[in-house]
């Protein structure tokens, strides 16, 4: 590696550090979130691109993780052997389930500041900005059947949510910042669940797309939009977006499928405050942008080697997480972000600041060719400009500085 003169570095840093801009790129970049050993899957993403998900460890046990420019595994507290991370809020607090395979008992873990706190005997599904957590507790009834009960942890007390009249077996899937909760419940004498909401402690049936079955899987932070999956009058299950009003459901929208055929299917997993919805349809990840159901595989920058299978989380910035097939790596968790320029290489993507510079500097110092090898020459227009050559030199460093100085 060719040495770089310290005076030149100091001058360059004075010229570029502290610059902060924000813009949207032309397409999503797929960020591989990595894995602990085997497959990995992302479930949720915060406004600051902190991701909650799960992977398989070397002992083939599930491990939840929290990702921010790197993957941090969540170790199970004894006697449990596995964890899965379910959600992360705007304040970087995450929730995870701790359990052992074959055992119906589970514990909810609240993760904050590197510490895990046991908050009760249930499987958590979501956490809102206030730190309230919803999920499902399970027990075995006298007939030997596992029965679910939707629960809410309000920061100190765990309470069971109401059932539909005469019904049983409820599950809470998500909670909005206004306290509204969505999920599913069985009505009296029904063999399939229906989508429900708990608002002000009162349960209500949200209805379906024309069939009998429906499940609500997500609600926007504002509480305006609910998404999920429902039977239609023609039988195939489709993703939906319902719009809530103060008194009920103002709109029930069938999002359709990517294939458009009579046998196509779709499932929605998350919605943001703009009413954008993500999920999976016919084995492909989708984004509903408020008007059109779009295949996310057609929205990523080309030649990245991914087949995006499902999208499970979206924040209000439009960042998306999910899972896909990445060549020989198999199933991997991804983050779809819109970098604002070539120098935007560190989370938070879409914002160019000193985090990006120092991340590049650390990778350059470590000799990481995959990140730091950018060019064969620092002379604009010369042969090899902007073309990696498998060698790290001062040209790579100054090329990065030029891209950083150009901003977004």
Protein backbone atom coordinates (compact mmCIF):
# COMPACT_ATOMS: atom_id res chain seq x y z
CA UNK A 1 0.00 0.00 0.00
CA UNK A 2 1.45 3.38 -0.99
CA UNK A 3 1.75 5.78 1.99
CA UNK A 4 -0.39 8.90 2.04
CA UNK A 5 1.09 12.15 3.22
CA UNK A 6 -0.55 13.28 6.49
CA UNK A 7 -0.74 16.94 5.49
CA UNK A 8 -2.71 16.05 2.36
CA UNK A 9 -5.11 13.92 4.35
CA UNK A 10 -5.72 16.70 6.87
CA UNK A 11 -6.45 19.20 4.11
CA UNK A 12 -8.80 16.78 2.37
CA UNK A 13 -10.66 16.04 5.60
CA UNK A 14 -11.12 19.75 6.30
CA UNK A 15 -12.59 20.12 2.85
CA UNK A 16 -15.19 17.36 3.13
CA UNK A 17 -16.06 16.47 6.73
CA UNK A 18 -19.32 17.75 8.13
CA UNK A 19 -21.09 17.81 4.77
CA UNK A 20 -24.59 16.38 5.07
CA UNK A 21 -26.98 16.03 2.16
CA UNK A 22 -29.96 13.84 1.40
CA UNK A 23 -31.41 12.73 -1.90
CA UNK A 24 -32.91 9.69 -3.54
CA UNK A 25 -31.01 7.52 -5.96
CA UNK A 26 -32.47 6.01 -9.10
CA UNK A 27 -32.90 2.53 -7.66
CA UNK A 28 -32.48 0.50 -4.55
CA UNK A 29 -29.13 -0.94 -3.60
CA UNK A 30 -29.35 -4.37 -1.97
CA UNK A 31 -27.31 -4.54 1.23
CA UNK A 32 -26.52 -8.09 2.32
CA UNK A 33 -27.01 -8.15 6.10
CA UNK A 34 -24.96 -11.32 6.40
CA UNK A 35 -25.65 -14.39 8.52
CA UNK A 36 -24.26 -16.17 11.55
CA UNK A 37 -23.84 -19.45 9.69
CA UNK A 38 -26.81 -20.53 7.59
CA UNK A 39 -29.79 -18.61 6.27
CA UNK A 40 -30.90 -15.25 7.60
CA UNK A 41 -34.09 -13.20 7.38
CA UNK A 42 -34.85 -9.57 8.28
CA UNK A 43 -38.20 -8.70 9.86
CA UNK A 44 -38.26 -4.97 10.63
CA UNK A 45 -36.30 -1.75 10.08
CA UNK A 46 -36.27 1.46 12.13
CA UNK A 47 -36.06 5.00 10.78
CA UNK A 48 -32.30 4.90 11.38
CA UNK A 49 -31.88 1.62 9.44
CA UNK A 50 -31.48 -0.57 12.49
CA UNK A 51 -32.72 -4.01 11.48
CA UNK A 52 -34.19 -6.85 13.55
CA UNK A 53 -34.11 -10.38 12.19
CA UNK A 54 -32.98 -13.96 12.67
CA UNK A 55 -30.32 -16.33 11.40
CA UNK A 56 -29.03 -19.84 11.97
CA UNK A 57 -25.94 -20.23 14.15
CA UNK A 58 -23.16 -22.80 13.71
CA UNK A 59 -24.96 -25.21 16.08
CA UNK A 60 -28.06 -24.97 13.83
CA UNK A 61 -30.01 -23.13 16.51
CA UNK A 62 -31.97 -19.99 15.63
CA UNK A 63 -30.44 -16.69 16.74
CA UNK A 64 -32.11 -13.34 16.59
CA UNK A 65 -29.96 -10.39 15.59
CA UNK A 66 -29.88 -6.62 15.54
CA UNK A 67 -28.02 -5.09 12.58
CA UNK A 68 -26.52 -1.64 12.15
CA UNK A 69 -23.54 -1.72 9.80
CA UNK A 70 -22.93 -5.13 11.34
CA UNK A 71 -24.79 -8.10 12.77
CA UNK A 72 -25.04 -8.57 16.55
CA UNK A 73 -26.53 -11.90 17.69
CA UNK A 74 -29.00 -12.18 20.58
CA UNK A 75 -27.97 -14.97 22.93
CA UNK A 76 -30.74 -17.01 24.61
CA UNK A 77 -31.00 -16.78 28.39
CA UNK A 78 -30.89 -20.18 30.16
CA UNK A 79 -32.63 -22.58 29.89
CA UNK A 80 -33.68 -21.51 26.41
CA UNK A 81 -31.67 -22.47 23.33
CA UNK A 82 -32.98 -20.18 20.58
CA UNK A 83 -33.96 -16.57 19.93
CA UNK A 84 -35.71 -14.67 17.14
CA UNK A 85 -35.80 -10.87 16.85
CA UNK A 86 -39.22 -9.59 15.83
CA UNK A 87 -39.25 -5.79 15.72
CA UNK A 88 -37.30 -2.59 16.45
CA UNK A 89 -38.73 0.85 17.20
CA UNK A 90 -37.67 4.41 16.41
CA UNK A 91 -35.62 4.58 19.63
CA UNK A 92 -33.56 1.48 18.74
CA UNK A 93 -35.35 -0.74 21.26
CA UNK A 94 -35.96 -4.24 19.92
CA UNK A 95 -38.02 -7.23 20.99
CA UNK A 96 -37.11 -10.89 20.63
CA UNK A 97 -38.53 -14.27 21.59
CA UNK A 98 -36.50 -16.78 23.59
CA UNK A 99 -37.61 -20.42 23.41
CA UNK A 100 -36.53 -24.02 22.96
CA UNK A 101 -37.64 -26.21 20.08
CA UNK A 102 -40.57 -28.44 21.02
CA UNK A 103 -41.50 -26.41 24.10
CA UNK A 104 -44.63 -24.21 23.95
CA UNK A 105 -43.27 -21.90 26.66
CA UNK A 106 -41.46 -18.78 25.50
CA UNK A 107 -40.25 -15.50 26.98
CA UNK A 108 -40.31 -12.01 25.53
CA UNK A 109 -37.04 -10.07 25.64
CA UNK A 110 -36.77 -6.27 25.47
CA UNK A 111 -33.38 -5.22 24.10
CA UNK A 112 -32.09 -1.75 24.89
CA UNK A 113 -28.58 -0.36 25.22
CA UNK A 114 -27.04 -3.80 24.87
CA UNK A 115 -29.13 -5.22 27.73
CA UNK A 116 -31.89 -7.84 27.48
CA UNK A 117 -34.82 -7.71 29.92
CA UNK A 118 -37.37 -10.51 30.32
CA UNK A 119 -40.82 -8.90 30.10
CA UNK A 120 -43.10 -11.91 30.28
CA UNK A 121 -44.24 -15.35 29.09
CA UNK A 122 -45.27 -14.60 25.51
CA UNK A 123 -43.96 -14.37 21.97
CA UNK A 124 -43.52 -10.65 21.16
CA UNK A 125 -44.39 -9.41 17.68
CA UNK A 126 -44.06 -5.63 17.72
CA UNK A 127 -42.97 -2.61 19.76
CA UNK A 128 -44.07 1.00 19.27
CA UNK A 129 -42.20 4.23 20.00
CA UNK A 130 -43.54 4.34 23.56
CA UNK A 131 -42.00 0.92 24.20
CA UNK A 132 -45.33 -0.91 24.43
CA UNK A 133 -45.09 -4.49 23.19
CA UNK A 134 -47.73 -6.81 21.76
CA UNK A 135 -47.64 -10.50 21.03
CA UNK A 136 -49.23 -13.83 21.80
CA UNK A 137 -49.13 -16.01 24.87
CA UNK A 138 -49.70 -19.74 24.43
CA UNK A 139 -51.05 -22.45 26.69
CA UNK A 140 -52.29 -26.03 26.32
CA UNK A 141 -55.98 -26.52 27.12
CA UNK A 142 -57.66 -29.59 28.59
CA UNK A 143 -57.98 -31.14 25.14
CA UNK A 144 -54.23 -30.89 24.58
CA UNK A 145 -54.58 -28.07 22.05
CA UNK A 146 -52.38 -25.00 22.02
CA UNK A 147 -54.50 -21.87 22.51
CA UNK A 148 -53.22 -18.37 21.78
CA UNK A 149 -54.10 -15.17 23.63
CA UNK A 150 -53.20 -11.70 22.36
CA UNK A 151 -51.35 -9.71 25.03
CA UNK A 152 -50.10 -6.16 25.62
CA UNK A 153 -47.12 -5.17 27.79
CA UNK A 154 -47.45 -1.46 28.59
CA UNK A 155 -43.98 -1.01 30.06
CA UNK A 156 -44.78 -2.60 33.39
CA UNK A 157 -47.91 -4.76 33.24
CA UNK A 158 -48.83 -7.65 30.92
CA UNK A 159 -52.55 -7.83 30.10
CA UNK A 160 -54.63 -10.17 27.94
CA UNK A 161 -56.64 -8.50 25.18
CA UNK A 162 -60.37 -9.20 24.66
CA UNK A 163 -61.68 -11.91 22.34
CA UNK A 164 -64.52 -11.66 19.84
CA UNK A 165 -67.92 -12.45 21.42
CA UNK A 166 -68.10 -16.19 21.99
CA UNK A 167 -64.76 -16.69 20.30
CA UNK A 168 -61.26 -17.57 21.42
CA UNK A 169 -57.69 -17.97 20.20
CA UNK A 170 -56.40 -14.44 19.46
CA UNK A 171 -53.03 -13.19 18.19
CA UNK A 172 -51.63 -9.64 18.20
CA UNK A 173 -49.35 -8.77 15.29
CA UNK A 174 -48.54 -5.05 15.49
CA UNK A 175 -49.11 -1.87 17.48
CA UNK A 176 -49.25 1.75 16.29
CA UNK A 177 -47.87 4.75 18.14
CA UNK A 178 -51.43 5.76 19.07
CA UNK A 179 -51.90 2.43 20.84
CA UNK A 180 -54.10 0.75 18.23
CA UNK A 181 -53.32 -2.97 17.90
CA UNK A 182 -54.08 -5.35 15.02
CA UNK A 183 -53.99 -9.09 14.62
CA UNK A 184 -56.42 -11.96 14.24
CA UNK A 185 -59.09 -13.77 16.24
CA UNK A 186 -61.56 -16.60 15.88
CA UNK A 187 -65.21 -15.65 16.04
CA UNK A 188 -67.76 -17.95 17.67
CA UNK A 189 -68.15 -21.24 15.78
CA UNK A 190 -65.64 -20.17 13.12
CA UNK A 191 -63.00 -22.56 11.80
CA UNK A 192 -60.79 -19.75 10.41
CA UNK A 193 -59.55 -16.46 11.90
CA UNK A 194 -60.56 -12.99 10.85
CA UNK A 195 -58.63 -9.72 10.95
CA UNK A 196 -59.27 -7.64 14.07
CA UNK A 197 -58.21 -4.43 15.76
CA UNK A 198 -58.08 -3.47 19.42
CA UNK A 199 -58.73 0.26 19.75
CA UNK A 200 -59.13 1.77 23.18
CA UNK A 201 -59.21 -1.73 24.61
CA UNK A 202 -62.21 -2.74 22.48
CA UNK A 203 -61.93 -5.47 19.83
CA UNK A 204 -63.57 -5.08 16.42
CA UNK A 205 -63.80 -7.27 13.33
CA UNK A 206 -62.10 -5.53 10.39
CA UNK A 207 -63.74 -7.76 7.81
CA UNK A 208 -62.26 -9.48 4.76
CA UNK A 209 -61.90 -9.13 0.99
CA UNK A 210 -64.98 -11.28 0.45
CA UNK A 211 -63.91 -14.64 1.82
CA UNK A 212 -63.98 -16.07 5.34
CA UNK A 213 -60.28 -15.99 6.29
CA UNK A 214 -58.30 -12.84 7.08
CA UNK A 215 -55.30 -11.87 9.19
CA UNK A 216 -53.98 -8.38 9.92
CA UNK A 217 -50.18 -8.46 9.97
CA UNK A 218 -49.16 -4.81 10.27
CA UNK A 219 -50.29 -1.28 11.07
CA UNK A 220 -48.57 1.99 10.20
CA UNK A 221 -47.04 4.04 13.01
CA UNK A 222 -49.82 6.60 12.64
CA UNK A 223 -52.50 3.92 12.96
CA UNK A 224 -54.13 4.88 9.66
CA UNK A 225 -53.21 1.89 7.49
CA UNK A 226 -53.59 -1.83 8.24
CA UNK A 227 -52.21 -4.56 6.01
CA UNK A 228 -52.52 -8.31 5.89
CA UNK A 229 -53.91 -11.22 3.89
CA UNK A 230 -57.45 -12.34 3.17
CA UNK A 231 -59.48 -14.80 1.15
CA UNK A 232 -61.30 -13.17 -1.72
CA UNK A 233 -64.71 -14.11 -3.09
CA UNK A 234 -62.86 -16.12 -5.76
CA UNK A 235 -60.84 -18.03 -3.09
CA UNK A 236 -57.15 -17.13 -3.72
CA UNK A 237 -55.57 -15.22 -0.84
CA UNK A 238 -54.56 -11.66 -1.58
CA UNK A 239 -52.69 -8.95 0.29
CA UNK A 240 -54.86 -6.12 1.53
CA UNK A 241 -54.57 -2.56 2.77
CA UNK A 242 -57.39 -1.28 4.96
CA UNK A 243 -57.68 2.38 5.88
CA UNK A 244 -59.01 3.06 9.36
CA UNK A 245 -61.24 5.93 10.38
CA UNK A 246 -62.15 7.00 13.94
CA UNK A 247 -65.28 4.85 13.71
CA UNK A 248 -64.14 1.81 11.71
CA UNK A 249 -62.79 0.81 8.29
CA UNK A 250 -63.04 3.48 5.63
CA UNK A 251 -61.53 1.51 2.75
CA UNK A 252 -60.76 -2.14 2.02
CA UNK A 253 -58.28 -2.43 -0.84
CA UNK A 254 -57.32 -5.69 -2.56
CA UNK A 255 -53.67 -5.26 -3.63
CA UNK A 256 -53.88 -8.07 -6.17
CA UNK A 257 -50.88 -10.15 -7.22
CA UNK A 258 -47.75 -9.72 -9.30
CA UNK A 259 -48.73 -12.49 -11.69
CA UNK A 260 -52.22 -11.11 -12.19
CA UNK A 261 -53.52 -14.60 -12.96
CA UNK A 262 -56.44 -16.42 -11.34
CA UNK A 263 -54.12 -18.57 -9.24
CA UNK A 264 -51.80 -15.80 -8.08
CA UNK A 265 -51.37 -15.11 -4.39
CA UNK A 266 -49.98 -12.36 -2.20
CA UNK A 267 -49.39 -11.59 1.48
CA UNK A 268 -48.69 -8.16 2.98
CA UNK A 269 -46.35 -7.87 5.97
CA UNK A 270 -45.89 -4.17 6.81
CA UNK A 271 -47.18 -0.67 6.03
CA UNK A 272 -45.78 2.82 6.60
CA UNK A 273 -47.44 6.17 7.19
CA UNK A 274 -47.56 6.94 3.45
CA UNK A 275 -49.73 3.88 2.94
CA UNK A 276 -46.96 1.98 1.20
CA UNK A 277 -47.11 -1.77 1.80
CA UNK A 278 -44.54 -4.53 1.39
CA UNK A 279 -44.90 -8.30 1.22
CA UNK A 280 -44.52 -11.27 -1.07
CA UNK A 281 -46.48 -12.38 -4.12
CA UNK A 282 -45.98 -15.48 -6.23
CA UNK A 283 -42.52 -15.97 -4.69
CA UNK A 284 -41.36 -12.38 -5.29
CA UNK A 285 -40.98 -9.41 -2.96
CA UNK A 286 -43.33 -6.53 -3.68
CA UNK A 287 -43.91 -2.89 -2.86
CA UNK A 288 -47.34 -1.32 -3.13
CA UNK A 289 -46.54 2.35 -3.70
CA UNK A 290 -50.05 3.64 -3.06
CA UNK A 291 -51.21 3.01 -6.61
CA UNK A 292 -49.37 0.02 -8.11
CA UNK A 293 -48.11 -3.35 -6.92
CA UNK A 294 -44.46 -3.41 -7.99
CA UNK A 295 -41.95 -6.25 -8.17
CA UNK A 296 -38.96 -5.16 -6.06
CA UNK A 297 -36.68 -7.27 -8.26
CA UNK A 298 -37.30 -4.72 -11.00
CA UNK A 299 -36.47 -1.82 -8.67
CA UNK A 300 -32.95 -2.78 -7.61
CA UNK A 301 -29.76 -1.79 -9.36
CA UNK A 302 -28.81 -4.47 -11.93
CA UNK A 303 -26.22 -7.20 -11.63
CA UNK A 304 -26.36 -7.55 -7.85
CA UNK A 305 -27.02 -11.30 -7.94
CA UNK A 306 -30.20 -11.29 -5.88
CA UNK A 307 -33.64 -12.85 -6.22
CA UNK A 308 -35.80 -10.99 -3.72
CA UNK A 309 -38.42 -13.39 -2.35
CA UNK A 310 -40.22 -11.46 0.38
CA UNK A 311 -40.29 -8.02 2.00
CA UNK A 312 -41.24 -7.94 5.67
CA UNK A 313 -40.60 -4.39 6.88
CA UNK A 314 -40.69 -0.79 5.63
CA UNK A 315 -39.97 2.46 7.48
CA UNK A 316 -41.26 5.95 6.80
CA UNK A 317 -38.13 6.76 4.78
CA UNK A 318 -39.01 3.95 2.36
CA UNK A 319 -36.18 1.60 3.39
CA UNK A 320 -37.26 -2.04 3.05
CA UNK A 321 -36.03 -5.28 4.62
CA UNK A 322 -36.78 -8.90 3.87
CA UNK A 323 -35.21 -12.07 2.58
CA UNK A 324 -33.98 -13.32 -0.77
CA UNK A 325 -31.74 -15.75 -2.56
CA UNK A 326 -28.19 -14.52 -3.07
CA UNK A 327 -26.32 -16.97 -5.31
CA UNK A 328 -24.19 -19.49 -3.42
CA UNK A 329 -24.97 -17.75 -0.11
CA UNK A 330 -28.52 -19.13 -0.20
CA UNK A 331 -31.30 -17.33 1.68
CA UNK A 332 -30.02 -14.07 3.15
CA UNK A 333 -31.49 -11.06 4.92
CA UNK A 334 -31.40 -7.83 2.92
CA UNK A 335 -31.87 -4.12 3.36
CA UNK A 336 -33.04 -2.12 0.36
CA UNK A 337 -31.84 1.46 0.65
CA UNK A 338 -31.42 4.36 -1.73
CA UNK A 339 -27.82 5.61 -1.43
CA UNK A 340 -27.57 9.26 -2.35
CA UNK A 341 -24.26 8.87 -4.22
CA UNK A 342 -21.20 6.67 -4.71
CA UNK A 343 -19.64 7.82 -1.42
CA UNK A 344 -22.73 6.84 0.65
CA UNK A 345 -21.39 3.47 1.87
CA UNK A 346 -22.32 3.27 5.57
CA UNK A 347 -25.66 3.16 7.36
CA UNK A 348 -27.66 5.34 7.41
CA UNK A 349 -27.89 5.07 3.61
CA UNK A 350 -29.45 8.07 1.90
CA UNK A 351 -27.48 10.48 4.08
CA UNK A 352 -23.89 11.44 3.30
CA UNK A 353 -21.95 12.44 6.41
CA UNK A 354 -18.77 11.75 8.36
CA UNK A 355 -19.96 8.21 9.17
CA UNK A 356 -19.42 7.33 5.53
CA UNK A 357 -15.95 8.87 5.46
CA UNK A 358 -14.73 7.16 8.61
CA UNK A 359 -16.22 3.85 7.50
CA UNK A 360 -14.29 4.06 4.24
CA UNK A 361 -11.13 5.09 6.14
CA UNK A 362 -11.45 2.06 8.44
CA UNK A 363 -11.92 -0.31 5.51
CA UNK A 364 -8.98 1.27 3.68
CA UNK A 365 -6.76 0.88 6.73
CA UNK A 366 -7.87 -2.75 7.08
CA UNK A 367 -6.99 -3.45 3.46
CA UNK A 368 -10.56 -4.51 2.59
CA UNK A 369 -10.47 -4.63 -1.20
CA UNK A 370 -14.21 -5.31 -1.45
CA UNK A 371 -14.98 -1.84 -0.05
CA UNK A 372 -11.85 0.26 -0.46
CA UNK A 373 -10.57 -0.73 -3.93
CA UNK A 374 -12.34 1.84 -6.11
CA UNK A 375 -10.05 2.91 -8.92
CA UNK A 376 -6.81 2.39 -10.81
CA UNK A 377 -6.04 6.10 -10.96
CA UNK A 378 -7.15 9.29 -9.24
CA UNK A 379 -6.86 11.31 -12.47
CA UNK A 380 -10.37 12.02 -13.81
CA UNK A 381 -10.83 10.78 -17.37
CA UNK A 382 -7.64 8.75 -17.40
CA UNK A 383 -7.81 5.03 -18.31
CA UNK A 384 -8.82 3.01 -15.26
CA UNK A 385 -10.53 5.92 -13.48
CA UNK A 386 -13.30 4.47 -11.35
CA UNK A 387 -12.30 0.88 -12.17
CA UNK A 388 -11.03 -1.31 -9.28
CA UNK A 389 -7.69 -3.00 -9.98
CA UNK A 390 -7.22 -5.31 -6.99
CA UNK A 391 -4.63 -3.05 -5.33
CA UNK A 392 -5.05 -0.40 -2.64
CA UNK A 393 -3.10 2.79 -3.20
CA UNK A 394 -3.45 6.47 -2.40
CA UNK A 395 -5.39 6.78 -5.65
CA UNK A 396 -8.28 4.84 -4.10
CA UNK A 397 -8.33 7.13 -1.08
CA UNK A 398 -8.30 10.36 -3.10
CA UNK A 399 -10.87 8.96 -5.52
CA UNK A 400 -13.20 8.36 -2.57
CA UNK A 401 -12.57 11.90 -1.30
CA UNK A 402 -13.53 13.30 -4.70
CA UNK A 403 -16.77 11.34 -4.67
CA UNK A 404 -17.49 12.47 -1.11
CA UNK A 405 -16.81 16.11 -2.00
CA UNK A 406 -19.22 15.81 -4.92
CA UNK A 407 -22.00 15.09 -2.40
CA UNK A 408 -25.33 13.64 -3.38
